[in-house]
């Protein structure tokens, strides 16, 4: 989406420019990288494991501190919280928990919230650029086409001060799904 600015309640809000790239989220030169975390904030597989491995032990130490203080029962799905980015190029990691897909229960609002809450946290930090993975589209089983639709729509309609949002996708298939979702929604990407 092209960069546009609008005034809301005497503050300037940006509608983010959206980029789609295939690649490794741990190598992105952005202000904040979004982690597809588990509610325990304990590292794991997929994107979560890759971010913890590449960022080093300071990320896990910060997550343990959050678990001991602000989130003793875990980070709820659809919420987001930031930590240091350790050894990553980014300044911060924004941890968010996407919902597990359930064909019998529509959890799209929770998935959209994971994106919008991450953008809210990024804006609070003063981040101008954010890289997202395809939340819930891996181990949490969300069908890729629908995960892409929810992600693009949530970011494209979010009122934020974050200027650049980059979806960093793990495969050509994922990149294609996000490009098709953007096209169907009429969202311009670069």
C-alpha atoms as a PDB file:
ATOM      1  CA  UNK A   1       0.000   0.000   0.000  1.00  0.00           C
ATOM      2  CA  UNK A   2       1.298   3.443  -0.782  1.00  0.00           C
ATOM      3  CA  UNK A   3       2.345   5.583   2.126  1.00  0.00           C
ATOM      4  CA  UNK A   4      -0.504   7.866   3.198  1.00  0.00           C
ATOM      5  CA  UNK A   5      -0.812  10.058   6.220  1.00  0.00           C
ATOM      6  CA  UNK A   6      -4.031  10.952   7.983  1.00  0.00           C
ATOM      7  CA  UNK A   7      -4.745  12.978  11.101  1.00  0.00           C
ATOM      8  CA  UNK A   8      -6.653  11.342  13.935  1.00  0.00           C
ATOM      9  CA  UNK A   9      -7.265  13.167  17.205  1.00  0.00           C
ATOM     10  CA  UNK A  10      -4.462  15.658  16.498  1.00  0.00           C
ATOM     11  CA  UNK A  11      -1.900  12.955  15.796  1.00  0.00           C
ATOM     12  CA  UNK A  12      -0.488  11.845  12.489  1.00  0.00           C
ATOM     13  CA  UNK A  13      -1.158   8.241  11.576  1.00  0.00           C
ATOM     14  CA  UNK A  14       0.493   6.377   8.738  1.00  0.00           C
ATOM     15  CA  UNK A  15      -1.079   3.703   6.622  1.00  0.00           C
ATOM     16  CA  UNK A  16       1.931   1.461   6.140  1.00  0.00           C
ATOM     17  CA  UNK A  17       3.654   0.673   2.868  1.00  0.00           C
ATOM     18  CA  UNK A  18       3.525  -3.106   2.478  1.00  0.00           C
ATOM     19  CA  UNK A  19       6.362  -5.147   1.007  1.00  0.00           C
ATOM     20  CA  UNK A  20       6.360  -8.864   0.214  1.00  0.00           C
ATOM     21  CA  UNK A  21       9.681 -10.723   0.187  1.00  0.00           C
ATOM     22  CA  UNK A  22      10.789 -14.317   0.286  1.00  0.00           C
ATOM     23  CA  UNK A  23      13.582 -14.842   2.756  1.00  0.00           C
ATOM     24  CA  UNK A  24      14.884 -15.295   6.261  1.00  0.00           C
ATOM     25  CA  UNK A  25      13.217 -13.044   8.824  1.00  0.00           C
ATOM     26  CA  UNK A  26      16.305 -13.166  11.059  1.00  0.00           C
ATOM     27  CA  UNK A  27      18.331 -11.345   8.388  1.00  0.00           C
ATOM     28  CA  UNK A  28      15.974  -8.387   7.953  1.00  0.00           C
ATOM     29  CA  UNK A  29      17.348  -4.902   8.521  1.00  0.00           C
ATOM     30  CA  UNK A  30      14.261  -3.394  10.162  1.00  0.00           C
ATOM     31  CA  UNK A  31      13.518  -1.736  13.486  1.00  0.00           C
ATOM     32  CA  UNK A  32      11.438  -4.664  14.768  1.00  0.00           C
ATOM     33  CA  UNK A  33      11.046  -8.307  13.836  1.00  0.00           C
ATOM     34  CA  UNK A  34       7.823 -10.048  14.803  1.00  0.00           C
ATOM     35  CA  UNK A  35       8.208 -13.489  16.329  1.00  0.00           C
ATOM     36  CA  UNK A  36       5.571 -16.183  15.898  1.00  0.00           C
ATOM     37  CA  UNK A  37       5.913 -17.097  19.564  1.00  0.00           C
ATOM     38  CA  UNK A  38       4.302 -19.713  21.741  1.00  0.00           C
ATOM     39  CA  UNK A  39       2.371 -18.515  24.777  1.00  0.00           C
ATOM     40  CA  UNK A  40       5.179 -19.656  27.085  1.00  0.00           C
ATOM     41  CA  UNK A  41       7.637 -17.281  25.368  1.00  0.00           C
ATOM     42  CA  UNK A  42      10.116 -20.122  25.630  1.00  0.00           C
ATOM     43  CA  UNK A  43      11.492 -20.442  22.119  1.00  0.00           C
ATOM     44  CA  UNK A  44      10.633 -23.416  19.995  1.00  0.00           C
ATOM     45  CA  UNK A  45      10.631 -24.435  16.361  1.00  0.00           C
ATOM     46  CA  UNK A  46      10.000 -22.613  13.113  1.00  0.00           C
ATOM     47  CA  UNK A  47      10.263 -18.825  13.150  1.00  0.00           C
ATOM     48  CA  UNK A  48      10.382 -18.773  16.960  1.00  0.00           C
ATOM     49  CA  UNK A  49      13.375 -21.099  17.124  1.00  0.00           C
ATOM     50  CA  UNK A  50      15.167 -19.313  14.290  1.00  0.00           C
ATOM     51  CA  UNK A  51      14.795 -15.916  15.989  1.00  0.00           C
ATOM     52  CA  UNK A  52      16.015 -17.254  19.337  1.00  0.00           C
ATOM     53  CA  UNK A  53      18.999 -19.006  17.727  1.00  0.00           C
ATOM     54  CA  UNK A  54      20.024 -16.010  15.594  1.00  0.00           C
ATOM     55  CA  UNK A  55      19.363 -13.420  18.317  1.00  0.00           C
ATOM     56  CA  UNK A  56      21.198 -15.264  21.048  1.00  0.00           C
ATOM     57  CA  UNK A  57      20.475 -15.894  24.732  1.00  0.00           C
ATOM     58  CA  UNK A  58      19.488 -12.318  25.628  1.00  0.00           C
ATOM     59  CA  UNK A  59      16.105 -12.790  23.902  1.00  0.00           C
ATOM     60  CA  UNK A  60      15.272 -15.875  25.956  1.00  0.00           C
ATOM     61  CA  UNK A  61      16.463 -14.136  29.126  1.00  0.00           C
ATOM     62  CA  UNK A  62      14.110 -11.213  28.410  1.00  0.00           C
ATOM     63  CA  UNK A  63      11.261 -13.640  27.707  1.00  0.00           C
ATOM     64  CA  UNK A  64      11.884 -15.436  30.999  1.00  0.00           C
ATOM     65  CA  UNK A  65      11.731 -12.089  32.794  1.00  0.00           C
ATOM     66  CA  UNK A  66       8.384 -11.319  31.135  1.00  0.00           C
ATOM     67  CA  UNK A  67       7.050 -14.723  32.195  1.00  0.00           C
ATOM     68  CA  UNK A  68       8.197 -14.113  35.758  1.00  0.00           C
ATOM     69  CA  UNK A  69       6.567 -10.675  35.917  1.00  0.00           C
ATOM     70  CA  UNK A  70       3.955  -9.534  33.395  1.00  0.00           C
ATOM     71  CA  UNK A  71       2.816 -12.888  31.952  1.00  0.00           C
ATOM     72  CA  UNK A  72       3.071 -15.626  34.606  1.00  0.00           C
ATOM     73  CA  UNK A  73       0.430 -17.728  32.821  1.00  0.00           C
ATOM     74  CA  UNK A  74       1.760 -16.983  29.341  1.00  0.00           C
ATOM     75  CA  UNK A  75       1.130 -14.466  26.578  1.00  0.00           C
ATOM     76  CA  UNK A  76      -2.466 -14.813  25.335  1.00  0.00           C
ATOM     77  CA  UNK A  77      -3.145 -15.425  21.646  1.00  0.00           C
ATOM     78  CA  UNK A  78      -3.641 -12.176  19.759  1.00  0.00           C
ATOM     79  CA  UNK A  79      -1.482 -10.123  22.149  1.00  0.00           C
ATOM     80  CA  UNK A  80       2.069  -8.825  21.652  1.00  0.00           C
ATOM     81  CA  UNK A  81       5.056  -7.812  23.761  1.00  0.00           C
ATOM     82  CA  UNK A  82       8.569  -6.595  22.898  1.00  0.00           C
ATOM     83  CA  UNK A  83      12.050  -7.624  24.005  1.00  0.00           C
ATOM     84  CA  UNK A  84      15.582  -6.901  22.932  1.00  0.00           C
ATOM     85  CA  UNK A  85      16.609  -8.304  19.554  1.00  0.00           C
ATOM     86  CA  UNK A  86      19.949  -9.518  20.861  1.00  0.00           C
ATOM     87  CA  UNK A  87      22.307 -10.191  17.971  1.00  0.00           C
ATOM     88  CA  UNK A  88      19.744  -9.563  15.212  1.00  0.00           C
ATOM     89  CA  UNK A  89      19.999  -6.487  12.953  1.00  0.00           C
ATOM     90  CA  UNK A  90      16.657  -5.315  14.367  1.00  0.00           C
ATOM     91  CA  UNK A  91      16.425  -3.287  17.577  1.00  0.00           C
ATOM     92  CA  UNK A  92      13.467  -5.215  18.984  1.00  0.00           C
ATOM     93  CA  UNK A  93      11.667  -8.524  18.717  1.00  0.00           C
ATOM     94  CA  UNK A  94       7.917  -8.274  19.073  1.00  0.00           C
ATOM     95  CA  UNK A  95       6.574 -11.600  20.293  1.00  0.00           C
ATOM     96  CA  UNK A  96       2.990 -12.435  19.377  1.00  0.00           C
ATOM     97  CA  UNK A  97       0.963 -15.606  19.665  1.00  0.00           C
ATOM     98  CA  UNK A  98      -1.240 -16.469  16.731  1.00  0.00           C
ATOM     99  CA  UNK A  99      -4.168 -18.801  17.278  1.00  0.00           C
ATOM    100  CA  UNK A 100      -4.124 -22.498  16.422  1.00  0.00           C
ATOM    101  CA  UNK A 101      -6.372 -23.092  13.420  1.00  0.00           C
ATOM    102  CA  UNK A 102      -9.710 -24.765  14.147  1.00  0.00           C
ATOM    103  CA  UNK A 103     -12.059 -25.458  11.230  1.00  0.00           C
ATOM    104  CA  UNK A 104     -15.013 -25.568  13.652  1.00  0.00           C
ATOM    105  CA  UNK A 105     -14.304 -22.156  15.247  1.00  0.00           C
ATOM    106  CA  UNK A 106     -13.525 -18.907  13.435  1.00  0.00           C
ATOM    107  CA  UNK A 107     -10.440 -17.434  15.113  1.00  0.00           C
ATOM    108  CA  UNK A 108      -9.728 -14.882  12.366  1.00  0.00           C
ATOM    109  CA  UNK A 109     -10.220 -11.951  14.757  1.00  0.00           C
ATOM    110  CA  UNK A 110      -7.528 -13.337  17.060  1.00  0.00           C
ATOM    111  CA  UNK A 111      -5.146 -13.803  14.141  1.00  0.00           C
ATOM    112  CA  UNK A 112      -5.818 -10.243  12.935  1.00  0.00           C
ATOM    113  CA  UNK A 113      -5.240  -9.013  16.493  1.00  0.00           C
ATOM    114  CA  UNK A 114      -1.779 -10.616  16.526  1.00  0.00           C
ATOM    115  CA  UNK A 115      -0.877  -8.339  13.599  1.00  0.00           C
ATOM    116  CA  UNK A 116      -2.554  -5.162  14.862  1.00  0.00           C
ATOM    117  CA  UNK A 117      -1.255  -5.581  18.416  1.00  0.00           C
ATOM    118  CA  UNK A 118       2.253  -6.094  17.037  1.00  0.00           C
ATOM    119  CA  UNK A 119       1.907  -2.861  15.077  1.00  0.00           C
ATOM    120  CA  UNK A 120       0.620  -1.102  18.203  1.00  0.00           C
ATOM    121  CA  UNK A 121       3.665  -2.269  20.201  1.00  0.00           C
ATOM    122  CA  UNK A 122       5.984  -1.285  17.336  1.00  0.00           C
ATOM    123  CA  UNK A 123       4.459   2.203  17.235  1.00  0.00           C
ATOM    124  CA  UNK A 124       4.850   2.569  21.002  1.00  0.00           C
ATOM    125  CA  UNK A 125       8.537   1.706  20.612  1.00  0.00           C
ATOM    126  CA  UNK A 126       8.948   4.255  17.821  1.00  0.00           C
ATOM    127  CA  UNK A 127       9.669   1.627  15.173  1.00  0.00           C
ATOM    128  CA  UNK A 128       9.346   2.822  11.579  1.00  0.00           C
ATOM    129  CA  UNK A 129       9.817  -0.599   9.975  1.00  0.00           C
ATOM    130  CA  UNK A 130       8.552  -4.041  10.969  1.00  0.00           C
ATOM    131  CA  UNK A 131       9.042  -7.516   9.485  1.00  0.00           C
ATOM    132  CA  UNK A 132       6.294 -10.118   9.940  1.00  0.00           C
ATOM    133  CA  UNK A 133       6.282 -13.840   9.254  1.00  0.00           C
ATOM    134  CA  UNK A 134       3.095 -15.613   8.145  1.00  0.00           C
ATOM    135  CA  UNK A 135       1.627 -15.971  11.637  1.00  0.00           C
ATOM    136  CA  UNK A 136      -0.171 -19.249  12.440  1.00  0.00           C
ATOM    137  CA  UNK A 137       0.527 -20.608   8.924  1.00  0.00           C
ATOM    138  CA  UNK A 138       3.134 -23.120  10.084  1.00  0.00           C
ATOM    139  CA  UNK A 139       2.836 -25.429  13.072  1.00  0.00           C
ATOM    140  CA  UNK A 140      -0.463 -23.819  14.116  1.00  0.00           C
ATOM    141  CA  UNK A 141      -2.051 -25.194  10.928  1.00  0.00           C
ATOM    142  CA  UNK A 142      -3.775 -22.127   9.481  1.00  0.00           C
ATOM    143  CA  UNK A 143      -4.420 -22.618   5.739  1.00  0.00           C
ATOM    144  CA  UNK A 144      -1.921 -20.410   3.928  1.00  0.00           C
ATOM    145  CA  UNK A 145      -4.399 -18.700   1.602  1.00  0.00           C
ATOM    146  CA  UNK A 146      -6.629 -17.624   4.482  1.00  0.00           C
ATOM    147  CA  UNK A 147      -3.686 -16.713   6.735  1.00  0.00           C
ATOM    148  CA  UNK A 148      -2.438 -14.410   3.960  1.00  0.00           C
ATOM    149  CA  UNK A 149      -5.873 -12.799   3.557  1.00  0.00           C
ATOM    150  CA  UNK A 150      -6.193 -12.094   7.288  1.00  0.00           C
ATOM    151  CA  UNK A 151      -2.620 -10.772   7.524  1.00  0.00           C
ATOM    152  CA  UNK A 152      -2.779  -8.417   4.559  1.00  0.00           C
ATOM    153  CA  UNK A 153      -6.208  -7.107   5.491  1.00  0.00           C
ATOM    154  CA  UNK A 154      -5.229  -6.532   9.142  1.00  0.00           C
ATOM    155  CA  UNK A 155      -2.082  -4.601   8.238  1.00  0.00           C
ATOM    156  CA  UNK A 156      -3.620  -2.673   5.330  1.00  0.00           C
ATOM    157  CA  UNK A 157      -6.509  -1.406   7.452  1.00  0.00           C
ATOM    158  CA  UNK A 158      -4.484  -0.715  10.594  1.00  0.00           C
ATOM    159  CA  UNK A 159      -3.955   2.913  11.550  1.00  0.00           C
ATOM    160  CA  UNK A 160      -0.342   3.062  12.652  1.00  0.00           C
ATOM    161  CA  UNK A 161       2.735   5.241  12.759  1.00  0.00           C
ATOM    162  CA  UNK A 162       4.801   2.348  11.367  1.00  0.00           C
ATOM    163  CA  UNK A 163       5.734   3.399   7.830  1.00  0.00           C
ATOM    164  CA  UNK A 164       7.050   0.127   6.382  1.00  0.00           C
ATOM    165  CA  UNK A 165       5.669  -3.359   6.921  1.00  0.00           C
ATOM    166  CA  UNK A 166       7.500  -6.240   5.329  1.00  0.00           C
ATOM    167  CA  UNK A 167       6.002  -9.722   5.125  1.00  0.00           C
ATOM    168  CA  UNK A 168       9.004 -12.058   5.056  1.00  0.00           C
ATOM    169  CA  UNK A 169       7.753 -15.316   3.655  1.00  0.00           C
ATOM    170  CA  UNK A 170       9.408 -18.684   3.905  1.00  0.00           C
ATOM    171  CA  UNK A 171       8.691 -20.094   0.443  1.00  0.00           C
ATOM    172  CA  UNK A 172       7.646 -19.163  -3.090  1.00  0.00           C
ATOM    173  CA  UNK A 173       4.229 -20.685  -2.316  1.00  0.00           C
ATOM    174  CA  UNK A 174       3.773 -18.372   0.696  1.00  0.00           C
ATOM    175  CA  UNK A 175       4.947 -15.346  -1.295  1.00  0.00           C
ATOM    176  CA  UNK A 176       2.431 -16.174  -4.018  1.00  0.00           C
ATOM    177  CA  UNK A 177      -0.389 -16.581  -1.465  1.00  0.00           C
ATOM    178  CA  UNK A 178       0.334 -13.158   0.057  1.00  0.00           C
ATOM    179  CA  UNK A 179       0.611 -11.522  -3.377  1.00  0.00           C
ATOM    180  CA  UNK A 180      -2.760 -13.006  -4.391  1.00  0.00           C
ATOM    181  CA  UNK A 181      -4.350 -11.879  -1.117  1.00  0.00           C
ATOM    182  CA  UNK A 182      -3.081  -8.335  -1.671  1.00  0.00           C
ATOM    183  CA  UNK A 183      -4.352  -8.337  -5.243  1.00  0.00           C
ATOM    184  CA  UNK A 184      -7.814  -9.605  -4.200  1.00  0.00           C
ATOM    185  CA  UNK A 185      -8.040  -6.967  -1.472  1.00  0.00           C
ATOM    186  CA  UNK A 186      -6.806  -4.193  -3.776  1.00  0.00           C
ATOM    187  CA  UNK A 187      -3.723  -3.567  -1.635  1.00  0.00           C
ATOM    188  CA  UNK A 188      -0.688  -2.205  -3.464  1.00  0.00           C
ATOM    189  CA  UNK A 189       2.585  -3.915  -2.496  1.00  0.00           C
ATOM    190  CA  UNK A 190       6.217  -3.588  -3.457  1.00  0.00           C
END
